[in-house]
Amino acid sequence: MSTIYGATGLGQMAASTWRVSSFFNRYWGALLERRERQRVRTALCDLSDWELKDIGTTRGEIDYVASNRGTDPRGI
């Protein structure tokens, strides 16, 4: 009977460990995504108005572009 209980306990422990690991993986992914947005935002803020116009965006769209890199702000 103790063997069955031990196996059940290990299963619960593995599930708990998986949840904690999953939480840290999501947290780490969110942290990396935030750092990438900050890097893009900094790079775009360093450009001149002419350079921004050349790539088809404005200063007012920098935050949007940095947050939604896969979406075109012009709707094209």
Protein backbone atom coordinates (compact mmCIF):
# COMPACT_ATOMS: atom_id res chain seq x y z
CA MET A 1 0.00 0.00 0.00
CA SER A 2 2.84 2.42 0.67
CA THR A 3 4.18 1.80 -2.84
CA ILE A 4 0.89 2.92 -4.39
CA TYR A 5 0.78 5.97 -2.13
CA GLY A 6 4.39 6.81 -3.03
CA ALA A 7 3.65 6.59 -6.75
CA THR A 8 0.60 8.83 -6.33
CA GLY A 9 2.64 11.31 -4.33
CA LEU A 10 5.27 11.42 -7.06
CA GLY A 11 2.60 12.08 -9.67
CA GLN A 12 1.24 14.99 -7.66
CA MET A 13 4.73 16.32 -7.09
CA ALA A 14 5.55 16.09 -10.80
CA ALA A 15 2.36 18.00 -11.67
CA SER A 16 3.19 20.66 -9.11
CA THR A 17 6.74 20.95 -10.41
CA TRP A 18 5.40 21.25 -13.96
CA ARG A 19 3.09 24.11 -12.92
CA VAL A 20 5.93 26.01 -11.26
CA SER A 21 8.18 25.39 -14.26
CA SER A 22 5.43 26.51 -16.62
CA PHE A 23 4.94 29.70 -14.60
CA PHE A 24 8.65 30.55 -14.76
CA ASN A 25 8.79 29.79 -18.48
CA ARG A 26 5.87 32.15 -19.14
CA TYR A 27 7.44 34.80 -16.91
CA TRP A 28 10.80 34.47 -18.68
CA GLY A 29 9.11 34.69 -22.09
CA ALA A 30 7.24 37.82 -21.06
CA LEU A 31 10.45 39.36 -19.73
CA LEU A 32 12.31 38.66 -22.98
CA GLU A 33 9.41 40.07 -25.02
CA ARG A 34 9.39 43.26 -22.92
CA ARG A 35 13.14 43.68 -23.37
CA GLU A 36 12.78 43.27 -27.13
CA ARG A 37 10.01 45.93 -27.22
CA GLN A 38 12.25 48.29 -25.26
CA ARG A 39 15.13 47.64 -27.68
CA VAL A 40 12.93 48.33 -30.72
CA ARG A 41 11.45 51.45 -29.11
CA THR A 42 14.94 52.79 -28.30
CA ALA A 43 16.19 52.10 -31.82
CA LEU A 44 13.20 53.86 -33.38
CA CYS A 45 13.48 56.86 -31.03
CA ASP A 46 17.11 57.26 -32.09
CA LEU A 47 16.08 57.73 -35.74
CA SER A 48 15.52 61.18 -37.20
CA ASP A 49 12.11 62.27 -38.47
CA TRP A 50 13.32 61.81 -42.05
CA GLU A 51 14.47 58.26 -41.36
CA LEU A 52 11.14 57.43 -39.71
CA LYS A 53 9.30 58.88 -42.70
CA ASP A 54 11.49 56.76 -44.98
CA ILE A 55 10.37 53.54 -43.27
CA GLY A 56 6.75 54.71 -43.29
CA THR A 57 6.07 55.62 -39.69
CA THR A 58 5.97 58.69 -37.45
CA ARG A 59 7.10 59.50 -33.91
CA GLY A 60 3.53 59.10 -32.71
CA GLU A 61 3.45 55.50 -33.94
CA ILE A 62 6.69 54.34 -32.28
CA ASP A 63 4.97 52.81 -29.23
CA TYR A 64 2.42 51.06 -31.43
CA VAL A 65 5.07 49.71 -33.80
CA ALA A 66 7.24 48.49 -30.91
CA SER A 67 4.30 46.74 -29.23
CA ASN A 68 2.77 45.26 -32.41
CA ARG A 69 5.72 44.34 -34.56
CA GLY A 70 3.66 41.98 -36.70
CA THR A 71 1.00 44.58 -37.57
CA ASP A 72 1.41 47.40 -40.05
CA PRO A 73 0.25 50.70 -38.47
CA ARG A 74 -0.94 51.97 -41.86
CA GLY A 75 -3.35 49.07 -42.28
CA ILE A 76 -1.70 47.84 -45.47
